[in-house]
N, C-alpha and C. Protein backbone atom coordinates (compact mmCIF):
# COMPACT_ATOMS: atom_id res chain seq x y z
N LYS A 1 0.85 -1.22 0.07
CA LYS A 1 -0.07 0.06 -0.06
C LYS A 1 1.02 1.23 -0.09
N LYS A 2 0.66 2.21 -1.14
CA LYS A 2 1.46 3.17 -0.99
C LYS A 2 0.91 4.60 -0.51
N ILE A 3 1.73 5.49 -0.08
CA ILE A 3 1.32 6.84 0.20
C ILE A 3 2.44 7.56 -0.49
N GLU A 4 1.91 8.18 -1.55
CA GLU A 4 2.74 9.13 -2.28
C GLU A 4 2.20 10.36 -2.48
N VAL A 5 3.09 11.54 -2.46
CA VAL A 5 2.57 12.88 -2.59
C VAL A 5 3.45 13.53 -3.55
N LYS A 6 2.84 14.19 -4.64
CA LYS A 6 3.60 14.87 -5.60
C LYS A 6 3.80 16.38 -5.26
N LEU A 7 4.82 16.90 -5.28
CA LEU A 7 5.17 18.27 -5.07
C LEU A 7 5.70 19.04 -6.40
N SER A 8 5.25 20.02 -6.92
CA SER A 8 5.64 20.76 -8.18
C SER A 8 5.55 22.14 -8.10
N GLY A 9 6.24 22.92 -8.86
CA GLY A 9 6.22 24.27 -8.84
C GLY A 9 7.22 25.08 -7.95
N GLY A 10 7.18 26.24 -7.74
CA GLY A 10 8.13 26.86 -6.85
C GLY A 10 9.58 26.56 -7.30
N ASP A 11 10.38 26.27 -6.35
CA ASP A 11 11.77 26.09 -6.56
C ASP A 11 12.09 24.47 -6.85
N ILE A 12 11.09 23.78 -7.11
CA ILE A 12 11.17 22.37 -7.38
C ILE A 12 11.32 22.07 -8.91
N SER A 13 12.39 21.39 -9.34
CA SER A 13 12.69 21.06 -10.66
C SER A 13 13.60 19.93 -10.92
N SER A 14 13.59 19.19 -11.95
CA SER A 14 14.28 18.19 -12.32
C SER A 14 14.52 17.06 -11.06
N GLY A 15 13.49 16.95 -10.30
CA GLY A 15 13.47 16.00 -9.22
C GLY A 15 14.37 16.41 -8.04
N LYS A 16 14.64 17.80 -8.01
CA LYS A 16 15.34 18.27 -6.85
C LYS A 16 14.40 19.41 -6.16
N ILE A 17 14.76 19.39 -4.75
CA ILE A 17 13.79 20.09 -3.90
C ILE A 17 14.67 20.94 -2.88
N TYR A 18 14.50 22.10 -2.66
CA TYR A 18 15.19 22.93 -1.55
C TYR A 18 14.85 22.42 -0.23
N ALA A 19 15.85 22.12 0.56
CA ALA A 19 15.64 21.40 1.89
C ALA A 19 14.65 22.17 2.76
N ARG A 20 14.62 23.45 2.78
CA ARG A 20 13.66 24.18 3.57
C ARG A 20 12.30 24.11 2.98
N THR A 21 12.04 23.94 1.70
CA THR A 21 10.72 23.66 1.09
C THR A 21 10.24 22.25 1.57
N LEU A 22 11.23 21.32 1.49
CA LEU A 22 10.81 20.00 1.95
C LEU A 22 10.36 19.98 3.36
N GLY A 23 11.10 20.59 4.32
CA GLY A 23 10.87 20.62 5.63
C GLY A 23 9.61 21.19 5.93
N HIS A 24 9.25 22.29 5.29
CA HIS A 24 7.87 22.92 5.61
C HIS A 24 6.87 22.12 5.10
N PHE A 25 6.97 21.17 4.04
CA PHE A 25 5.79 20.25 3.48
C PHE A 25 5.81 19.19 4.65
N LEU A 26 6.97 18.59 4.89
CA LEU A 26 6.92 17.28 5.76
C LEU A 26 6.34 17.65 7.14
N LEU A 27 6.57 18.87 7.75
CA LEU A 27 5.98 19.13 8.97
C LEU A 27 4.42 19.33 8.99
N ASN A 28 3.95 20.03 7.92
CA ASN A 28 2.75 20.22 7.78
C ASN A 28 1.86 18.86 7.38
N PHE A 29 2.39 18.09 6.48
CA PHE A 29 1.67 16.86 6.14
C PHE A 29 1.77 15.92 7.26
N GLN A 30 2.75 15.78 8.01
CA GLN A 30 2.66 15.02 9.30
C GLN A 30 1.62 15.42 10.31
N SER A 31 1.43 16.70 10.28
CA SER A 31 0.37 17.33 11.11
C SER A 31 -0.91 16.97 10.68
N LEU A 32 -1.35 17.09 9.38
CA LEU A 32 -2.42 16.89 8.70
C LEU A 32 -2.79 15.27 9.03
N ILE A 33 -1.97 14.47 8.75
CA ILE A 33 -2.08 13.12 9.04
C ILE A 33 -2.48 12.66 10.46
N GLU A 34 -1.79 13.27 11.43
CA GLU A 34 -2.23 13.08 12.83
C GLU A 34 -3.30 13.68 13.35
N ILE A 35 -3.79 14.90 12.76
CA ILE A 35 -4.95 15.53 13.07
C ILE A 35 -6.20 14.75 12.48
N PHE A 36 -5.97 14.36 11.27
CA PHE A 36 -7.24 13.78 10.38
C PHE A 36 -7.23 12.39 10.74
N SER A 37 -7.01 11.98 11.76
CA SER A 37 -7.06 10.39 12.14
C SER A 37 -8.70 10.10 12.47
N PRO A 38 -9.12 9.08 12.13
CA PRO A 38 -10.60 8.82 12.24
C PRO A 38 -10.76 8.70 13.78
N LYS A 39 -11.97 9.02 14.28
CA LYS A 39 -12.31 9.08 15.66
C LYS A 39 -12.54 7.42 15.90
N MET A 40 -11.52 6.68 16.34
CA MET A 40 -11.46 5.21 16.55
C MET A 40 -11.21 5.06 18.19
N SER A 41 -11.73 4.00 18.61
CA SER A 41 -11.61 3.80 20.01
C SER A 41 -10.50 2.97 20.13
N LEU A 42 -9.25 3.47 19.74
CA LEU A 42 -7.98 2.88 19.90
C LEU A 42 -7.15 3.61 20.96
N ASN A 43 -6.10 2.68 21.44
CA ASN A 43 -5.16 3.22 22.25
C ASN A 43 -4.53 4.36 21.66
N ARG A 44 -4.21 5.48 22.35
CA ARG A 44 -3.64 6.60 21.85
C ARG A 44 -2.21 6.29 21.19
N ARG A 45 -1.39 5.27 22.08
CA ARG A 45 -0.10 4.88 21.60
C ARG A 45 -0.21 4.12 20.35
N VAL A 46 -1.26 3.42 20.11
CA VAL A 46 -1.39 2.53 18.90
C VAL A 46 -1.53 3.57 17.70
N MET A 47 -2.50 4.56 17.92
CA MET A 47 -2.82 5.49 16.93
C MET A 47 -1.57 6.50 16.62
N LYS A 48 -0.91 6.86 17.55
CA LYS A 48 0.44 7.70 17.40
C LYS A 48 1.45 6.96 16.43
N ASN A 49 1.60 5.72 16.79
CA ASN A 49 2.53 4.90 16.07
C ASN A 49 1.95 4.57 14.66
N ALA A 50 0.80 4.41 14.45
CA ALA A 50 0.22 3.98 13.14
C ALA A 50 0.14 5.41 12.39
N THR A 51 0.23 6.56 12.82
CA THR A 51 0.11 7.74 11.91
C THR A 51 1.46 8.51 11.93
N ARG A 52 2.59 7.94 12.35
CA ARG A 52 3.88 8.46 12.15
C ARG A 52 4.41 8.03 10.82
N LEU A 53 4.79 9.14 10.06
CA LEU A 53 5.30 8.93 8.68
C LEU A 53 6.85 8.84 8.67
N PHE A 54 7.16 7.91 7.79
CA PHE A 54 8.73 8.03 7.50
C PHE A 54 8.81 8.00 6.19
N LEU A 55 9.71 9.13 5.69
CA LEU A 55 9.97 9.32 4.13
C LEU A 55 10.75 8.11 3.77
N SER A 56 10.56 7.40 2.82
CA SER A 56 11.15 6.07 2.48
C SER A 56 11.82 6.29 1.09
N LYS A 57 11.38 7.22 0.25
CA LYS A 57 11.84 7.23 -1.18
C LYS A 57 11.42 8.59 -1.68
N ILE A 58 12.33 9.16 -2.48
CA ILE A 58 12.02 10.42 -3.36
C ILE A 58 12.25 10.20 -4.71
N GLU A 59 11.27 10.25 -5.63
CA GLU A 59 11.48 9.95 -7.03
C GLU A 59 11.35 11.46 -7.77
N SER A 60 12.06 11.48 -8.97
CA SER A 60 12.07 12.74 -9.58
C SER A 60 10.79 12.74 -10.53
N GLY A 61 10.56 13.75 -11.23
CA GLY A 61 9.42 13.98 -11.97
C GLY A 61 9.23 15.53 -11.69
N SER A 62 8.37 15.76 -11.01
CA SER A 62 8.36 17.08 -10.11
C SER A 62 9.22 16.56 -8.94
N VAL A 63 8.56 16.20 -7.89
CA VAL A 63 9.12 15.38 -6.76
C VAL A 63 8.08 14.57 -6.27
N ILE A 64 8.30 13.18 -6.19
CA ILE A 64 7.27 12.28 -5.51
C ILE A 64 7.85 11.87 -4.36
N LEU A 65 7.05 11.96 -3.20
CA LEU A 65 7.52 11.53 -1.95
C LEU A 65 6.85 10.24 -1.57
N HIS A 66 7.64 9.21 -1.08
CA HIS A 66 6.91 7.94 -0.55
C HIS A 66 7.02 7.84 0.81
N PHE A 67 5.98 7.42 1.51
CA PHE A 67 5.97 7.29 2.98
C PHE A 67 5.68 6.02 3.24
N GLN A 68 6.07 5.51 4.47
CA GLN A 68 5.49 4.29 5.05
C GLN A 68 5.31 4.58 6.60
N PRO A 69 4.40 3.79 7.20
CA PRO A 69 3.79 4.08 8.52
C PRO A 69 5.04 4.01 9.64
N SER A 70 5.85 3.04 9.55
CA SER A 70 6.89 3.04 10.60
C SER A 70 8.09 2.29 10.14
N LEU A 71 9.10 2.19 10.91
CA LEU A 71 10.29 1.55 10.49
C LEU A 71 10.07 -0.02 10.73
N GLN A 72 9.18 -0.41 11.58
CA GLN A 72 8.93 -1.78 12.00
C GLN A 72 7.31 -1.94 11.60
N GLU A 73 7.15 -1.84 10.22
CA GLU A 73 5.74 -1.80 9.86
C GLU A 73 4.99 -2.93 10.13
N THR A 74 3.64 -2.76 10.71
CA THR A 74 2.68 -3.85 10.85
C THR A 74 1.66 -3.81 9.93
N ILE A 75 1.02 -4.91 9.58
CA ILE A 75 -0.20 -4.77 8.65
C ILE A 75 -1.33 -3.82 9.29
N TYR A 76 -1.42 -4.02 10.62
CA TYR A 76 -2.44 -3.14 11.25
C TYR A 76 -2.25 -1.80 11.28
N GLU A 77 -0.90 -1.38 11.51
CA GLU A 77 -0.63 0.05 11.41
C GLU A 77 -0.54 0.55 10.02
N ASP A 78 -0.29 -0.23 8.97
CA ASP A 78 -0.26 0.00 7.79
C ASP A 78 -1.89 0.43 7.21
N ASP A 79 -2.67 -0.72 7.82
CA ASP A 79 -4.17 -0.29 7.41
C ASP A 79 -4.67 1.11 8.00
N ILE A 80 -4.41 1.24 9.22
CA ILE A 80 -4.82 2.59 9.75
C ILE A 80 -4.40 3.84 9.00
N LEU A 81 -3.07 3.67 8.67
CA LEU A 81 -2.45 4.93 8.00
C LEU A 81 -3.05 5.06 6.54
N THR A 82 -3.23 3.90 5.91
CA THR A 82 -3.96 4.00 4.56
C THR A 82 -5.20 4.42 4.62
N ASN A 83 -6.05 4.15 5.70
CA ASN A 83 -7.48 4.60 5.76
C ASN A 83 -7.44 6.18 6.03
N VAL A 84 -6.55 6.54 7.06
CA VAL A 84 -6.46 8.04 7.26
C VAL A 84 -6.05 8.80 5.72
N TYR A 85 -5.12 8.22 5.26
CA TYR A 85 -4.81 8.89 3.81
C TYR A 85 -5.79 9.05 2.95
N GLU A 86 -6.54 7.89 2.73
CA GLU A 86 -7.73 7.86 1.77
C GLU A 86 -8.71 8.77 2.22
N ASP A 87 -9.00 8.93 3.48
CA ASP A 87 -9.93 9.97 4.00
C ASP A 87 -9.50 11.44 3.60
N LEU A 88 -8.21 11.64 3.86
CA LEU A 88 -7.60 12.90 3.41
C LEU A 88 -7.84 13.22 2.06
N ILE A 89 -7.56 12.20 1.13
CA ILE A 89 -7.86 12.34 -0.32
C ILE A 89 -9.33 12.73 -0.51
N HIS A 90 -10.16 12.10 0.19
CA HIS A 90 -11.53 12.18 -0.16
C HIS A 90 -11.96 13.48 0.21
N PHE A 91 -11.47 14.07 1.45
CA PHE A 91 -11.68 15.41 1.89
C PHE A 91 -11.16 16.36 0.90
N THR A 92 -10.03 16.04 0.29
CA THR A 92 -9.37 17.20 -0.88
C THR A 92 -10.40 17.05 -1.90
N GLU A 93 -11.04 15.89 -2.41
CA GLU A 93 -11.91 16.05 -3.55
C GLU A 93 -13.17 16.66 -3.12
N VAL A 94 -13.75 16.65 -1.79
CA VAL A 94 -14.87 17.29 -1.38
C VAL A 94 -14.65 18.79 -1.35
N LEU A 95 -13.42 19.29 -0.99
CA LEU A 95 -13.08 20.70 -1.05
C LEU A 95 -13.00 21.14 -2.44
N ILE A 96 -12.74 20.40 -3.55
CA ILE A 96 -12.69 20.91 -4.86
C ILE A 96 -14.13 20.93 -5.27
N THR A 97 -14.94 20.06 -4.95
CA THR A 97 -16.46 19.96 -5.51
C THR A 97 -17.61 20.62 -4.68
N THR A 98 -17.82 20.06 -3.57
CA THR A 98 -18.84 20.74 -2.61
C THR A 98 -18.33 21.15 -1.35
N PRO A 99 -17.64 22.21 -1.32
CA PRO A 99 -16.91 22.56 -0.04
C PRO A 99 -17.73 22.85 1.22
N ASN A 100 -18.87 23.43 1.00
CA ASN A 100 -19.67 23.76 2.30
C ASN A 100 -20.62 22.65 2.69
N ASP A 101 -21.15 21.98 1.91
CA ASP A 101 -22.22 20.96 2.07
C ASP A 101 -21.77 19.83 3.00
N ASP A 102 -20.65 19.10 2.35
CA ASP A 102 -20.14 17.86 2.97
C ASP A 102 -18.83 18.14 3.99
N ARG A 103 -18.44 19.23 4.08
CA ARG A 103 -17.11 19.43 4.78
C ARG A 103 -17.40 19.36 6.24
N LYS A 104 -18.40 19.90 6.78
CA LYS A 104 -18.66 19.82 8.32
C LYS A 104 -18.93 18.27 8.63
N LEU A 105 -19.72 17.43 7.92
CA LEU A 105 -19.90 16.10 8.11
C LEU A 105 -18.49 15.35 8.23
N LEU A 106 -17.80 15.52 7.07
CA LEU A 106 -16.50 14.76 6.84
C LEU A 106 -15.61 15.22 8.07
N LEU A 107 -15.51 16.54 8.41
CA LEU A 107 -14.60 16.85 9.61
C LEU A 107 -15.12 16.31 10.87
N GLU A 108 -16.32 16.38 11.07
CA GLU A 108 -16.83 15.88 12.36
C GLU A 108 -16.69 14.33 12.58
N LYS A 109 -16.60 13.65 11.34
CA LYS A 109 -16.29 12.29 11.58
C LYS A 109 -14.86 12.04 11.67
N SER A 110 -13.93 12.89 11.10
CA SER A 110 -12.64 12.56 11.21
C SER A 110 -11.69 13.32 12.17
N ILE A 111 -12.30 14.28 12.59
CA ILE A 111 -11.48 15.41 13.38
C ILE A 111 -12.07 15.73 14.68
N GLU A 112 -11.60 15.58 15.83
CA GLU A 112 -12.12 16.07 17.15
C GLU A 112 -12.31 17.63 16.99
N ASP A 113 -13.40 17.83 17.56
CA ASP A 113 -13.75 19.37 17.57
C ASP A 113 -12.55 20.36 17.96
N SER A 114 -11.72 19.90 19.06
CA SER A 114 -10.65 20.77 19.44
C SER A 114 -9.65 20.94 18.39
N ASP A 115 -9.41 19.93 17.44
CA ASP A 115 -8.54 19.93 16.53
C ASP A 115 -8.77 20.54 15.28
N ARG A 116 -9.97 20.95 15.04
CA ARG A 116 -10.53 21.34 13.66
C ARG A 116 -9.87 22.57 13.24
N LEU A 117 -9.71 23.68 14.00
CA LEU A 117 -9.02 24.84 13.80
C LEU A 117 -7.58 24.55 13.43
N LYS A 118 -6.87 23.70 14.24
CA LYS A 118 -5.48 23.38 14.01
C LYS A 118 -5.33 22.72 12.64
N PHE A 119 -6.20 21.80 12.25
CA PHE A 119 -6.28 21.15 10.79
C PHE A 119 -6.46 22.26 9.85
N GLU A 120 -7.35 23.13 10.08
CA GLU A 120 -7.71 24.26 8.94
C GLU A 120 -6.41 25.09 8.82
N LEU A 121 -5.72 25.38 9.86
CA LEU A 121 -4.59 26.36 9.81
C LEU A 121 -3.38 25.73 9.12
N THR A 122 -3.20 24.17 9.24
CA THR A 122 -2.25 23.44 8.68
C THR A 122 -2.46 23.42 7.33
N LEU A 123 -3.84 23.06 6.93
CA LEU A 123 -4.19 23.09 5.46
C LEU A 123 -3.92 24.40 4.65
N GLN A 124 -4.24 25.39 5.47
CA GLN A 124 -3.95 26.74 4.94
C GLN A 124 -2.49 27.11 4.59
N GLN A 125 -1.58 26.52 5.43
CA GLN A 125 0.05 26.55 5.25
C GLN A 125 0.33 25.90 3.90
N LEU A 126 -0.26 24.83 3.69
CA LEU A 126 0.03 24.07 2.49
C LEU A 126 -0.44 24.73 1.23
N MET A 127 -1.60 25.26 1.38
CA MET A 127 -2.46 25.84 0.18
C MET A 127 -1.74 27.15 -0.21
N THR A 128 -1.18 27.92 0.80
CA THR A 128 -0.56 29.11 0.54
C THR A 128 1.03 28.98 0.25
N SER A 129 1.56 27.84 0.25
CA SER A 129 2.95 27.65 -0.05
C SER A 129 3.13 28.00 -1.54
N GLU A 130 4.65 28.00 -1.93
CA GLU A 130 4.89 28.26 -3.26
C GLU A 130 4.76 27.14 -4.03
N TYR A 131 4.62 26.12 -3.63
CA TYR A 131 4.60 24.70 -4.37
C TYR A 131 3.10 24.16 -4.47
N GLU A 132 2.92 23.34 -5.34
CA GLU A 132 1.73 22.66 -5.68
C GLU A 132 1.74 21.33 -4.84
N VAL A 133 0.49 20.76 -4.26
CA VAL A 133 0.67 19.59 -3.53
C VAL A 133 -0.55 18.61 -4.14
N SER A 134 -0.03 17.47 -4.57
CA SER A 134 -1.16 16.43 -5.04
C SER A 134 -1.08 15.21 -4.16
N PHE A 135 -2.11 14.70 -3.65
CA PHE A 135 -2.05 13.50 -2.99
C PHE A 135 -2.35 12.28 -4.06
N ILE A 136 -1.51 11.30 -4.00
CA ILE A 136 -1.73 10.28 -5.21
C ILE A 136 -2.37 9.02 -4.46
N SER A 137 -3.45 8.52 -5.20
CA SER A 137 -4.20 7.56 -4.85
C SER A 137 -4.02 6.42 -5.76
N GLU A 138 -4.03 4.99 -5.37
CA GLU A 138 -3.88 4.03 -6.47
C GLU A 138 -5.06 3.98 -7.41
N SER A 139 -6.31 4.41 -6.79
CA SER A 139 -7.51 4.17 -7.53
C SER A 139 -7.92 5.51 -8.05
N LYS A 140 -7.51 6.66 -7.69
CA LYS A 140 -7.97 7.86 -8.20
C LYS A 140 -6.88 8.76 -8.95
N GLY A 141 -5.77 8.34 -8.81
CA GLY A 141 -4.64 9.09 -9.39
C GLY A 141 -4.27 10.08 -8.49
N ALA A 142 -3.71 11.33 -9.12
CA ALA A 142 -3.21 12.50 -8.23
C ALA A 142 -4.43 13.42 -8.15
N VAL A 143 -4.82 13.78 -6.77
CA VAL A 143 -5.85 14.72 -6.56
C VAL A 143 -5.21 15.89 -5.87
N GLU A 144 -5.24 17.14 -6.58
CA GLU A 144 -4.59 18.15 -6.28
C GLU A 144 -5.31 19.27 -5.19
N LEU A 145 -4.43 19.55 -4.23
CA LEU A 145 -4.98 20.48 -3.23
C LEU A 145 -4.94 21.92 -3.86
N LEU A 146 -6.19 22.29 -4.43
CA LEU A 146 -6.21 23.34 -5.22
C LEU A 146 -6.06 24.78 -4.40
N LYS A 147 -5.08 25.53 -4.83
CA LYS A 147 -4.97 26.89 -4.18
C LYS A 147 -6.30 27.78 -4.37
N SER A 148 -6.90 27.48 -5.56
CA SER A 148 -8.06 28.38 -5.88
C SER A 148 -9.04 28.16 -4.78
N LYS A 149 -9.04 27.17 -3.92
CA LYS A 149 -10.01 27.07 -2.92
C LYS A 149 -9.73 27.46 -1.57
N ILE A 150 -8.59 28.16 -1.42
CA ILE A 150 -8.23 28.69 -0.12
C ILE A 150 -9.11 29.68 0.49
N SER A 151 -10.01 30.34 -0.29
CA SER A 151 -10.95 31.26 0.26
C SER A 151 -11.99 30.58 1.23
N TYR A 152 -12.18 29.33 0.81
CA TYR A 152 -13.25 28.24 1.66
C TYR A 152 -12.62 28.15 3.10
N VAL A 153 -11.21 27.64 3.06
CA VAL A 153 -10.43 27.15 4.12
C VAL A 153 -10.36 28.62 4.97
N GLU A 154 -10.04 29.79 4.48
CA GLU A 154 -10.06 30.93 5.27
C GLU A 154 -11.33 31.23 5.98
N ASN A 155 -12.50 31.13 5.27
CA ASN A 155 -13.78 31.26 5.81
C ASN A 155 -13.98 30.38 6.96
N TRP A 156 -13.62 29.15 6.89
CA TRP A 156 -13.84 28.13 7.95
C TRP A 156 -13.01 28.56 9.14
N ILE A 157 -11.66 28.97 8.84
CA ILE A 157 -10.83 29.62 9.89
C ILE A 157 -11.49 30.50 10.75
N LYS A 158 -11.99 31.58 10.09
CA LYS A 158 -12.79 32.67 10.63
C LYS A 158 -13.87 32.21 11.43
N GLU A 159 -14.67 31.28 10.80
CA GLU A 159 -15.86 30.60 11.41
C GLU A 159 -15.57 29.95 12.88
N ASP A 160 -14.44 29.07 12.64
CA ASP A 160 -14.08 28.29 13.87
C ASP A 160 -13.27 28.93 14.87
N SER A 161 -12.51 30.01 14.42
CA SER A 161 -11.93 30.98 15.45
C SER A 161 -12.85 31.66 16.24
N ASN A 162 -13.93 32.15 15.73
CA ASN A 162 -15.02 32.84 16.48
C ASN A 162 -15.77 31.78 17.52
N VAL A 163 -15.97 30.61 17.17
CA VAL A 163 -16.53 29.63 18.09
C VAL A 163 -15.74 29.34 19.14
N GLY A 164 -14.37 29.18 18.87
CA GLY A 164 -13.58 28.54 19.92
C GLY A 164 -12.73 29.75 20.73
N SER A 165 -13.05 30.92 20.53
CA SER A 165 -12.32 32.09 21.07
C SER A 165 -13.00 32.52 22.32
N ARG A 166 -12.07 33.17 23.29
CA ARG A 166 -12.48 33.67 24.54
C ARG A 166 -11.42 34.54 25.11
N SER A 167 -12.00 35.42 25.87
CA SER A 167 -10.85 36.54 26.53
C SER A 167 -10.21 35.86 27.69
N ILE A 168 -8.90 35.97 27.79
CA ILE A 168 -8.11 35.48 28.92
C ILE A 168 -6.97 36.60 29.27
N LYS A 169 -7.09 36.79 30.63
CA LYS A 169 -6.12 37.80 30.98
C LYS A 169 -5.16 37.11 31.90
N GLY A 170 -3.80 37.50 31.69
CA GLY A 170 -2.77 36.90 32.61
C GLY A 170 -1.39 37.34 32.16
N VAL A 171 -0.33 36.36 32.53
CA VAL A 171 0.93 36.77 32.29
C VAL A 171 1.37 35.74 31.15
N LEU A 172 2.10 36.30 30.18
CA LEU A 172 2.73 35.49 29.13
C LEU A 172 3.88 34.84 29.62
N LEU A 173 3.90 33.34 29.53
CA LEU A 173 5.01 32.65 30.07
C LEU A 173 5.93 32.22 29.02
N ARG A 174 5.36 31.82 27.85
CA ARG A 174 6.31 31.25 26.69
C ARG A 174 5.57 31.43 25.43
N ILE A 175 6.38 31.75 24.39
CA ILE A 175 5.91 31.82 23.01
C ILE A 175 6.79 30.80 22.18
N LYS A 176 6.14 29.77 21.50
CA LYS A 176 6.64 29.00 20.60
C LYS A 176 6.34 29.24 19.24
N GLY A 177 7.09 29.88 18.33
CA GLY A 177 6.70 30.45 17.06
C GLY A 177 7.06 29.51 15.91
N ASP A 178 7.89 28.58 16.12
CA ASP A 178 8.35 27.74 15.12
C ASP A 178 7.50 26.49 15.04
N GLY A 179 7.53 25.63 13.93
CA GLY A 179 6.82 24.38 13.70
C GLY A 179 5.37 24.72 13.21
N PRO A 180 4.68 23.61 12.81
CA PRO A 180 3.43 23.69 12.19
C PRO A 180 2.32 24.30 13.13
N SER A 181 2.51 24.17 14.59
CA SER A 181 1.45 24.65 15.34
C SER A 181 1.96 25.70 16.24
N PRO A 182 2.10 26.77 16.05
CA PRO A 182 2.92 27.93 16.97
C PRO A 182 1.84 28.26 18.11
N TYR A 183 2.31 28.35 19.28
CA TYR A 183 1.34 28.61 20.49
C TYR A 183 2.01 29.46 21.51
N PHE A 184 1.34 30.03 22.35
CA PHE A 184 1.94 30.57 23.63
C PHE A 184 1.30 30.13 24.80
N THR A 185 1.87 30.17 26.10
CA THR A 185 1.26 29.86 27.26
C THR A 185 1.13 30.92 28.17
N MET A 186 0.01 31.09 28.90
CA MET A 186 -0.19 32.10 29.82
C MET A 186 -0.58 31.63 31.21
N LYS A 187 -0.29 32.26 32.18
CA LYS A 187 -0.75 31.98 33.68
C LYS A 187 -1.75 33.01 33.98
N THR A 188 -2.92 32.57 34.35
CA THR A 188 -4.12 33.40 34.58
C THR A 188 -3.93 33.99 36.22
N HIS A 189 -4.91 34.79 36.36
CA HIS A 189 -4.86 35.48 37.74
C HIS A 189 -5.17 34.36 38.82
N ASN A 190 -5.86 33.35 38.46
CA ASN A 190 -6.17 32.08 39.55
C ASN A 190 -5.04 31.01 39.44
N GLY A 191 -3.90 31.27 38.63
CA GLY A 191 -2.84 30.16 38.66
C GLY A 191 -2.89 29.19 37.62
N SER A 192 -4.05 29.14 36.89
CA SER A 192 -4.13 28.19 35.79
C SER A 192 -3.23 28.59 34.56
N ILE A 193 -2.62 27.53 34.06
CA ILE A 193 -1.60 27.58 32.79
C ILE A 193 -2.55 27.21 31.57
N VAL A 194 -2.60 28.37 30.70
CA VAL A 194 -3.34 28.13 29.51
C VAL A 194 -2.62 28.19 28.26
N LYS A 195 -2.86 27.17 27.30
CA LYS A 195 -1.96 26.95 26.25
C LYS A 195 -2.85 27.67 25.09
N CYS A 196 -2.32 28.50 24.23
CA CYS A 196 -3.24 29.13 23.12
C CYS A 196 -2.38 28.89 21.68
N TYR A 197 -3.18 28.44 20.65
CA TYR A 197 -2.53 28.28 19.43
C TYR A 197 -2.89 29.50 18.63
N TYR A 198 -1.92 29.82 17.73
CA TYR A 198 -2.31 31.01 16.88
C TYR A 198 -1.64 30.79 15.49
N ASN A 199 -1.92 31.60 14.56
CA ASN A 199 -1.36 31.57 13.15
C ASN A 199 -0.62 32.78 12.87
């Protein structure tokens, strides 16, 4: 079972890719896979292991990246990762065709409510990058994550930001600005530590 992603455009040519561009994609793709895991009644450790990606091969063309679930691959973990990846491809198709009707149902099925905004922000990172992303499926071929649909994702971010936002007063303890999910932590007047994600 293959997990292949094609990257093209930007500074990608003749099968070569700038290391920073590759790093940007890898961080965001791994985050998408982790967040877009089906709501299964599985042990967290099993789910975490099953959705860890290992880059196993790079082909030229534009650049085609091959992934496997783990270094000690099991059939069980391979099936979980393949199902998550196929759901992500289906979501990409829904985004292209009927973005507002089916999106909520699909996201509710696949993503915990608390992770939905994080997923949308990660998707936004990939869609606004300088390169094109296509998820490759054995049955459907290459399904491109169309940059022309970014306005839908930005609207969802606004919508979900309003739902999940609240005012907090306190002392800023830490800011982590790198990686796919930047955040800061605050200590409130009652002593609670609050972690806040931002874009």
